[in-house]
Amino acid sequence: MQTVAILFIFLIGFQICKAEVQEWCSKEPLKNVFRVCSQKTGVGKAEIYRVIYFHPPQSFNEKCFRACSMIECQYYNVDGTLKHDTAHRVAKVLSAGDLFKYELVKRVVSHCLHTAPLHNNVCDTTEAFIQCFVTLSPVKVSLDRALP
């Protein structure tokens, strides 16, 4: 009986932690990530606008802003690879509660996790990953509904 109670508490704790991770990069936390990364990379409002609507970057700093955002949102492992739950988390943020869109985006992002090329720097790797899912997505994706 005690084992069942401990397992139950563990599962509840896991679900709470999982919910926190999933919400880490939307609304105010995402806005704060953008603020921190814009200071680190020197990008301005025009570049952030292009990120929100997934328009192609116009500079290497803009690519690095995108990479910084993904790092701050904890999408990367310590070794520089994208985490296995990235498809779920990205789809959750981009779908903004639309279950149909969530499934479509998750499928495309999952595909890109395995097919986007790795580069010798995180800025180009991030951009290849983003362009992969933006190009292949059957639905329009943006971060406008993920921000406050």
N, C-alpha and C. Protein backbone atom coordinates (compact mmCIF):
# COMPACT_ATOMS: atom_id res chain seq x y z
N MET A 1 0.82 -1.20 0.00
CA MET A 1 0.00 0.00 0.00
C MET A 1 0.86 1.27 0.00
N GLN A 2 1.94 1.22 0.80
CA GLN A 2 2.83 2.36 0.87
C GLN A 2 3.51 2.61 -0.49
N THR A 3 3.85 1.53 -1.19
CA THR A 3 4.47 1.64 -2.51
C THR A 3 3.52 2.31 -3.50
N VAL A 4 2.26 1.96 -3.44
CA VAL A 4 1.25 2.55 -4.32
C VAL A 4 1.12 4.04 -4.03
N ALA A 5 1.12 4.41 -2.76
CA ALA A 5 1.00 5.82 -2.39
C ALA A 5 2.21 6.61 -2.88
N ILE A 6 3.41 6.05 -2.74
CA ILE A 6 4.62 6.72 -3.20
C ILE A 6 4.60 6.87 -4.72
N LEU A 7 4.19 5.83 -5.42
CA LEU A 7 4.09 5.88 -6.87
C LEU A 7 3.09 6.95 -7.30
N PHE A 8 1.95 7.01 -6.62
CA PHE A 8 0.92 7.99 -6.94
C PHE A 8 1.47 9.41 -6.75
N ILE A 9 2.16 9.66 -5.64
CA ILE A 9 2.73 10.98 -5.38
C ILE A 9 3.77 11.32 -6.45
N PHE A 10 4.60 10.35 -6.82
CA PHE A 10 5.60 10.56 -7.87
C PHE A 10 4.94 10.94 -9.19
N LEU A 11 3.87 10.22 -9.56
CA LEU A 11 3.19 10.50 -10.83
C LEU A 11 2.54 11.89 -10.83
N ILE A 12 1.94 12.28 -9.71
CA ILE A 12 1.34 13.61 -9.61
C ILE A 12 2.44 14.67 -9.74
N GLY A 13 3.55 14.48 -9.04
CA GLY A 13 4.67 15.42 -9.12
C GLY A 13 5.22 15.52 -10.52
N PHE A 14 5.34 14.36 -11.21
CA PHE A 14 5.83 14.34 -12.58
C PHE A 14 4.91 15.14 -13.49
N GLN A 15 3.59 14.97 -13.34
CA GLN A 15 2.65 15.71 -14.18
C GLN A 15 2.71 17.21 -13.93
N ILE A 16 2.89 17.61 -12.67
CA ILE A 16 3.01 19.03 -12.35
C ILE A 16 4.28 19.60 -12.98
N CYS A 17 5.39 18.89 -12.85
CA CYS A 17 6.66 19.35 -13.47
C CYS A 17 6.53 19.41 -14.98
N LYS A 18 5.88 18.41 -15.55
CA LYS A 18 5.70 18.36 -17.00
C LYS A 18 4.88 19.57 -17.45
N ALA A 19 3.83 19.91 -16.71
CA ALA A 19 3.00 21.07 -17.05
C ALA A 19 3.82 22.35 -16.98
N GLU A 20 4.70 22.48 -15.97
CA GLU A 20 5.54 23.67 -15.86
C GLU A 20 6.47 23.78 -17.05
N VAL A 21 7.09 22.69 -17.47
CA VAL A 21 7.99 22.71 -18.61
C VAL A 21 7.24 23.10 -19.87
N GLN A 22 6.04 22.57 -20.05
CA GLN A 22 5.28 22.85 -21.26
C GLN A 22 4.87 24.31 -21.34
N GLU A 23 4.66 24.96 -20.22
CA GLU A 23 4.24 26.36 -20.22
C GLU A 23 5.43 27.32 -20.13
N TRP A 24 6.65 26.77 -20.04
CA TRP A 24 7.83 27.59 -19.82
C TRP A 24 7.99 28.65 -20.89
N CYS A 25 7.69 28.37 -22.11
CA CYS A 25 7.95 29.34 -23.17
C CYS A 25 6.70 29.80 -23.88
N SER A 26 5.77 30.29 -23.12
CA SER A 26 4.64 31.00 -23.69
C SER A 26 4.25 32.11 -22.73
N LYS A 27 3.53 33.06 -23.23
CA LYS A 27 3.06 34.22 -22.47
C LYS A 27 4.23 35.03 -21.89
N GLU A 28 4.17 35.39 -20.62
CA GLU A 28 5.19 36.23 -20.00
C GLU A 28 6.59 35.61 -20.03
N PRO A 29 6.72 34.30 -19.73
CA PRO A 29 8.07 33.73 -19.81
C PRO A 29 8.71 33.87 -21.20
N LEU A 30 7.92 33.70 -22.25
CA LEU A 30 8.47 33.86 -23.60
C LEU A 30 8.85 35.31 -23.86
N LYS A 31 8.04 36.22 -23.39
CA LYS A 31 8.35 37.64 -23.53
C LYS A 31 9.68 37.97 -22.82
N ASN A 32 9.89 37.39 -21.64
CA ASN A 32 11.14 37.60 -20.91
C ASN A 32 12.32 36.98 -21.65
N VAL A 33 12.13 35.81 -22.23
CA VAL A 33 13.18 35.16 -23.02
C VAL A 33 13.57 36.06 -24.18
N PHE A 34 12.59 36.62 -24.86
CA PHE A 34 12.88 37.52 -25.98
C PHE A 34 13.67 38.74 -25.50
N ARG A 35 13.32 39.27 -24.35
CA ARG A 35 14.03 40.44 -23.82
C ARG A 35 15.50 40.08 -23.51
N VAL A 36 15.70 38.97 -22.83
CA VAL A 36 17.07 38.53 -22.49
C VAL A 36 17.88 38.28 -23.75
N CYS A 37 17.30 37.56 -24.71
CA CYS A 37 18.04 37.20 -25.92
C CYS A 37 18.29 38.40 -26.83
N SER A 38 17.37 39.36 -26.82
CA SER A 38 17.62 40.56 -27.65
C SER A 38 18.79 41.34 -27.07
N GLN A 39 18.93 41.36 -25.74
CA GLN A 39 20.09 42.02 -25.12
C GLN A 39 21.38 41.27 -25.43
N LYS A 40 21.33 39.94 -25.42
CA LYS A 40 22.53 39.14 -25.68
C LYS A 40 22.99 39.24 -27.13
N THR A 41 22.04 39.36 -28.06
CA THR A 41 22.40 39.31 -29.48
C THR A 41 22.32 40.66 -30.19
N GLY A 42 21.75 41.65 -29.53
CA GLY A 42 21.68 42.99 -30.12
C GLY A 42 20.62 43.15 -31.19
N VAL A 43 19.59 42.32 -31.18
CA VAL A 43 18.53 42.48 -32.18
C VAL A 43 17.45 43.42 -31.65
N GLY A 44 16.70 44.00 -32.58
CA GLY A 44 15.66 44.95 -32.22
C GLY A 44 14.26 44.43 -32.53
N LYS A 45 13.31 45.34 -32.53
CA LYS A 45 11.90 44.97 -32.72
C LYS A 45 11.62 44.34 -34.08
N ALA A 46 12.27 44.81 -35.12
CA ALA A 46 12.04 44.27 -36.46
C ALA A 46 12.45 42.79 -36.52
N GLU A 47 13.57 42.48 -35.91
CA GLU A 47 14.05 41.09 -35.90
C GLU A 47 13.12 40.20 -35.07
N ILE A 48 12.66 40.73 -33.93
CA ILE A 48 11.74 39.96 -33.08
C ILE A 48 10.44 39.71 -33.82
N TYR A 49 9.96 40.70 -34.56
CA TYR A 49 8.76 40.53 -35.37
C TYR A 49 8.94 39.38 -36.36
N ARG A 50 10.11 39.32 -37.02
CA ARG A 50 10.37 38.24 -37.97
C ARG A 50 10.39 36.88 -37.28
N VAL A 51 10.87 36.84 -36.04
CA VAL A 51 10.86 35.59 -35.28
C VAL A 51 9.42 35.17 -34.97
N ILE A 52 8.63 36.10 -34.51
CA ILE A 52 7.24 35.80 -34.12
C ILE A 52 6.47 35.19 -35.29
N TYR A 53 6.71 35.71 -36.50
CA TYR A 53 5.98 35.23 -37.67
C TYR A 53 6.81 34.29 -38.55
N PHE A 54 7.96 33.86 -38.04
CA PHE A 54 8.85 32.91 -38.72
C PHE A 54 9.24 33.35 -40.12
N HIS A 55 9.48 34.65 -40.28
CA HIS A 55 10.03 35.16 -41.53
C HIS A 55 11.52 34.85 -41.52
N PRO A 56 12.14 34.67 -42.68
CA PRO A 56 13.57 34.34 -42.72
C PRO A 56 14.42 35.43 -42.05
N PRO A 57 15.46 35.02 -41.35
CA PRO A 57 16.34 36.00 -40.70
C PRO A 57 17.15 36.77 -41.74
N GLN A 58 17.53 37.99 -41.39
CA GLN A 58 18.32 38.81 -42.30
C GLN A 58 19.75 39.00 -41.84
N SER A 59 20.10 38.36 -40.73
CA SER A 59 21.48 38.48 -40.24
C SER A 59 21.83 37.26 -39.38
N PHE A 60 23.13 37.09 -39.17
CA PHE A 60 23.58 36.00 -38.30
C PHE A 60 23.13 36.26 -36.86
N ASN A 61 23.13 37.52 -36.42
CA ASN A 61 22.66 37.84 -35.07
C ASN A 61 21.20 37.44 -34.87
N GLU A 62 20.44 37.60 -35.92
CA GLU A 62 19.02 37.20 -35.84
C GLU A 62 18.89 35.68 -35.69
N LYS A 63 19.73 34.93 -36.41
CA LYS A 63 19.75 33.48 -36.24
C LYS A 63 20.14 33.13 -34.81
N CYS A 64 21.11 33.85 -34.27
CA CYS A 64 21.57 33.58 -32.90
C CYS A 64 20.51 33.98 -31.88
N PHE A 65 19.71 34.99 -32.18
CA PHE A 65 18.59 35.34 -31.30
C PHE A 65 17.62 34.16 -31.22
N ARG A 66 17.34 33.56 -32.35
CA ARG A 66 16.43 32.40 -32.38
C ARG A 66 17.03 31.24 -31.59
N ALA A 67 18.33 31.01 -31.76
CA ALA A 67 19.01 29.95 -31.02
C ALA A 67 18.98 30.25 -29.52
N CYS A 68 19.28 31.47 -29.15
CA CYS A 68 19.25 31.88 -27.75
C CYS A 68 17.86 31.62 -27.15
N SER A 69 16.83 31.96 -27.89
CA SER A 69 15.46 31.75 -27.41
C SER A 69 15.19 30.27 -27.16
N MET A 70 15.64 29.43 -28.08
CA MET A 70 15.42 27.99 -27.90
C MET A 70 16.25 27.43 -26.76
N ILE A 71 17.43 27.98 -26.55
CA ILE A 71 18.27 27.55 -25.42
C ILE A 71 17.62 27.98 -24.11
N GLU A 72 17.20 29.22 -24.05
CA GLU A 72 16.55 29.74 -22.84
C GLU A 72 15.24 28.99 -22.54
N CYS A 73 14.57 28.54 -23.58
CA CYS A 73 13.33 27.77 -23.41
C CYS A 73 13.61 26.29 -23.13
N GLN A 74 14.86 25.95 -23.03
CA GLN A 74 15.30 24.61 -22.68
C GLN A 74 14.89 23.55 -23.70
N TYR A 75 15.01 23.88 -24.98
CA TYR A 75 14.76 22.92 -26.04
C TYR A 75 16.01 22.09 -26.36
N TYR A 76 17.17 22.57 -25.91
CA TYR A 76 18.43 21.89 -26.22
C TYR A 76 18.95 21.08 -25.04
N ASN A 77 19.58 19.94 -25.36
CA ASN A 77 20.33 19.17 -24.38
C ASN A 77 21.68 19.85 -24.16
N VAL A 78 22.38 19.46 -23.14
CA VAL A 78 23.71 20.01 -22.84
C VAL A 78 24.68 19.79 -24.00
N ASP A 79 24.53 18.68 -24.72
CA ASP A 79 25.45 18.36 -25.81
C ASP A 79 25.14 19.10 -27.11
N GLY A 80 24.14 19.98 -27.10
CA GLY A 80 23.82 20.77 -28.28
C GLY A 80 22.80 20.14 -29.21
N THR A 81 22.24 19.01 -28.83
CA THR A 81 21.18 18.38 -29.62
C THR A 81 19.82 18.81 -29.06
N LEU A 82 18.82 18.75 -29.91
CA LEU A 82 17.47 19.10 -29.46
C LEU A 82 16.90 17.96 -28.61
N LYS A 83 16.18 18.32 -27.57
CA LYS A 83 15.60 17.34 -26.65
C LYS A 83 14.51 16.53 -27.34
N HIS A 84 14.29 15.32 -26.84
CA HIS A 84 13.31 14.42 -27.44
C HIS A 84 11.88 14.94 -27.32
N ASP A 85 11.57 15.78 -26.35
CA ASP A 85 10.21 16.28 -26.19
C ASP A 85 9.98 17.59 -26.93
N THR A 86 10.94 18.00 -27.75
CA THR A 86 10.82 19.27 -28.47
C THR A 86 9.60 19.30 -29.38
N ALA A 87 9.30 18.22 -30.06
CA ALA A 87 8.14 18.21 -30.97
C ALA A 87 6.86 18.50 -30.20
N HIS A 88 6.70 17.86 -29.08
CA HIS A 88 5.50 18.08 -28.26
C HIS A 88 5.45 19.53 -27.76
N ARG A 89 6.57 20.02 -27.23
CA ARG A 89 6.58 21.35 -26.65
C ARG A 89 6.39 22.45 -27.69
N VAL A 90 7.08 22.32 -28.83
CA VAL A 90 6.92 23.32 -29.90
C VAL A 90 5.49 23.31 -30.43
N ALA A 91 4.95 22.12 -30.64
CA ALA A 91 3.57 22.02 -31.14
C ALA A 91 2.58 22.62 -30.15
N LYS A 92 2.81 22.42 -28.88
CA LYS A 92 1.92 22.97 -27.86
C LYS A 92 1.93 24.50 -27.90
N VAL A 93 3.12 25.08 -28.01
CA VAL A 93 3.22 26.54 -28.05
C VAL A 93 2.61 27.10 -29.34
N LEU A 94 2.92 26.48 -30.47
CA LEU A 94 2.46 27.01 -31.76
C LEU A 94 0.97 26.76 -32.02
N SER A 95 0.40 25.73 -31.42
CA SER A 95 -1.02 25.43 -31.68
C SER A 95 -1.95 26.24 -30.81
N ALA A 96 -1.46 26.77 -29.70
CA ALA A 96 -2.25 27.61 -28.79
C ALA A 96 -3.61 26.99 -28.46
N GLY A 97 -3.61 25.70 -28.18
CA GLY A 97 -4.84 25.04 -27.75
C GLY A 97 -5.66 24.39 -28.85
N ASP A 98 -5.29 24.57 -30.10
CA ASP A 98 -6.01 23.97 -31.22
C ASP A 98 -5.47 22.54 -31.41
N LEU A 99 -6.26 21.53 -31.02
CA LEU A 99 -5.80 20.15 -31.04
C LEU A 99 -5.48 19.65 -32.45
N PHE A 100 -6.26 20.06 -33.43
CA PHE A 100 -6.00 19.66 -34.82
C PHE A 100 -4.64 20.21 -35.27
N LYS A 101 -4.41 21.49 -35.01
CA LYS A 101 -3.15 22.13 -35.39
C LYS A 101 -2.00 21.50 -34.60
N TYR A 102 -2.23 21.18 -33.33
CA TYR A 102 -1.19 20.56 -32.50
C TYR A 102 -0.68 19.27 -33.14
N GLU A 103 -1.59 18.40 -33.56
CA GLU A 103 -1.18 17.12 -34.16
C GLU A 103 -0.39 17.32 -35.45
N LEU A 104 -0.85 18.24 -36.29
CA LEU A 104 -0.15 18.51 -37.55
C LEU A 104 1.25 19.06 -37.30
N VAL A 105 1.35 20.05 -36.43
CA VAL A 105 2.64 20.67 -36.15
C VAL A 105 3.57 19.69 -35.46
N LYS A 106 3.06 18.91 -34.54
CA LYS A 106 3.90 17.94 -33.83
C LYS A 106 4.51 16.94 -34.80
N ARG A 107 3.72 16.47 -35.76
CA ARG A 107 4.21 15.51 -36.75
C ARG A 107 5.35 16.11 -37.58
N VAL A 108 5.18 17.35 -38.02
CA VAL A 108 6.20 18.01 -38.84
C VAL A 108 7.45 18.30 -38.02
N VAL A 109 7.28 18.81 -36.82
CA VAL A 109 8.44 19.12 -35.97
C VAL A 109 9.20 17.84 -35.63
N SER A 110 8.49 16.78 -35.37
CA SER A 110 9.14 15.49 -35.09
C SER A 110 9.97 15.05 -36.28
N HIS A 111 9.43 15.19 -37.47
CA HIS A 111 10.16 14.86 -38.69
C HIS A 111 11.45 15.70 -38.78
N CYS A 112 11.33 17.00 -38.51
CA CYS A 112 12.47 17.90 -38.62
C CYS A 112 13.54 17.62 -37.57
N LEU A 113 13.13 17.12 -36.41
CA LEU A 113 14.10 16.74 -35.38
C LEU A 113 15.08 15.71 -35.91
N HIS A 114 14.59 14.86 -36.81
CA HIS A 114 15.40 13.76 -37.33
C HIS A 114 16.07 14.06 -38.67
N THR A 115 15.59 15.10 -39.36
CA THR A 115 16.10 15.34 -40.71
C THR A 115 16.83 16.66 -40.89
N ALA A 116 16.59 17.64 -40.04
CA ALA A 116 17.26 18.94 -40.21
C ALA A 116 18.77 18.75 -39.99
N PRO A 117 19.58 19.33 -40.84
CA PRO A 117 21.03 19.13 -40.71
C PRO A 117 21.61 19.82 -39.48
N LEU A 118 22.63 19.21 -38.91
CA LEU A 118 23.39 19.81 -37.82
C LEU A 118 24.53 20.61 -38.43
N HIS A 119 24.76 21.78 -37.91
CA HIS A 119 25.83 22.65 -38.39
C HIS A 119 26.90 22.76 -37.31
N ASN A 120 27.96 23.49 -37.60
CA ASN A 120 29.04 23.62 -36.62
C ASN A 120 28.76 24.68 -35.56
N ASN A 121 27.59 25.31 -35.62
CA ASN A 121 27.21 26.26 -34.57
C ASN A 121 25.70 26.18 -34.33
N VAL A 122 25.32 26.52 -33.12
CA VAL A 122 23.92 26.38 -32.72
C VAL A 122 23.00 27.35 -33.47
N CYS A 123 23.53 28.48 -33.91
CA CYS A 123 22.71 29.46 -34.63
C CYS A 123 22.22 28.89 -35.96
N ASP A 124 23.14 28.30 -36.74
CA ASP A 124 22.76 27.71 -38.02
C ASP A 124 21.94 26.43 -37.84
N THR A 125 22.24 25.64 -36.82
CA THR A 125 21.47 24.43 -36.55
C THR A 125 20.03 24.78 -36.20
N THR A 126 19.86 25.78 -35.35
CA THR A 126 18.52 26.23 -34.97
C THR A 126 17.75 26.72 -36.19
N GLU A 127 18.41 27.49 -37.02
CA GLU A 127 17.74 28.03 -38.20
C GLU A 127 17.33 26.92 -39.16
N ALA A 128 18.18 25.92 -39.34
CA ALA A 128 17.83 24.80 -40.22
C ALA A 128 16.60 24.06 -39.67
N PHE A 129 16.56 23.86 -38.36
CA PHE A 129 15.43 23.20 -37.73
C PHE A 129 14.15 24.02 -37.91
N ILE A 130 14.22 25.32 -37.64
CA ILE A 130 13.04 26.19 -37.77
C ILE A 130 12.56 26.23 -39.21
N GLN A 131 13.47 26.44 -40.16
CA GLN A 131 13.06 26.51 -41.56
C GLN A 131 12.45 25.19 -42.03
N CYS A 132 12.94 24.09 -41.50
CA CYS A 132 12.37 22.79 -41.85
C CYS A 132 10.89 22.73 -41.48
N PHE A 133 10.57 23.03 -40.22
CA PHE A 133 9.16 22.88 -39.84
C PHE A 133 8.27 23.99 -40.38
N VAL A 134 8.82 25.18 -40.59
CA VAL A 134 8.02 26.25 -41.19
C VAL A 134 7.68 25.90 -42.64
N THR A 135 8.66 25.40 -43.37
CA THR A 135 8.47 25.04 -44.78
C THR A 135 7.52 23.87 -44.94
N LEU A 136 7.62 22.86 -44.09
CA LEU A 136 6.83 21.65 -44.25
C LEU A 136 5.46 21.69 -43.57
N SER A 137 5.25 22.65 -42.70
CA SER A 137 3.99 22.69 -41.95
C SER A 137 2.80 22.90 -42.88
N PRO A 138 1.76 22.07 -42.75
CA PRO A 138 0.57 22.24 -43.58
C PRO A 138 -0.33 23.38 -43.08
N VAL A 139 -0.01 23.91 -41.92
CA VAL A 139 -0.77 25.04 -41.36
C VAL A 139 0.20 26.17 -41.06
N LYS A 140 -0.31 27.39 -41.11
CA LYS A 140 0.53 28.55 -40.84
C LYS A 140 0.92 28.54 -39.35
N VAL A 141 2.20 28.77 -39.09
CA VAL A 141 2.68 28.79 -37.71
C VAL A 141 3.22 30.17 -37.37
N SER A 142 2.95 30.60 -36.14
CA SER A 142 3.51 31.85 -35.62
C SER A 142 3.43 31.80 -34.10
N LEU A 143 4.15 32.72 -33.48
CA LEU A 143 4.16 32.81 -32.03
C LEU A 143 3.24 33.90 -31.51
N ASP A 144 2.45 34.53 -32.38
CA ASP A 144 1.64 35.66 -31.95
C ASP A 144 0.65 35.29 -30.85
N ARG A 145 0.09 34.09 -30.89
CA ARG A 145 -0.87 33.68 -29.85
C ARG A 145 -0.17 33.15 -28.60
N ALA A 146 1.15 32.94 -28.67
CA ALA A 146 1.91 32.46 -27.51
C ALA A 146 2.40 33.60 -26.64
N LEU A 147 2.26 34.83 -27.12
CA LEU A 147 2.71 36.00 -26.36
C LEU A 147 1.52 36.68 -25.72
N PRO A 148 1.80 37.40 -24.60
CA PRO A 148 0.68 38.10 -23.91
C PRO A 148 0.18 39.28 -24.72
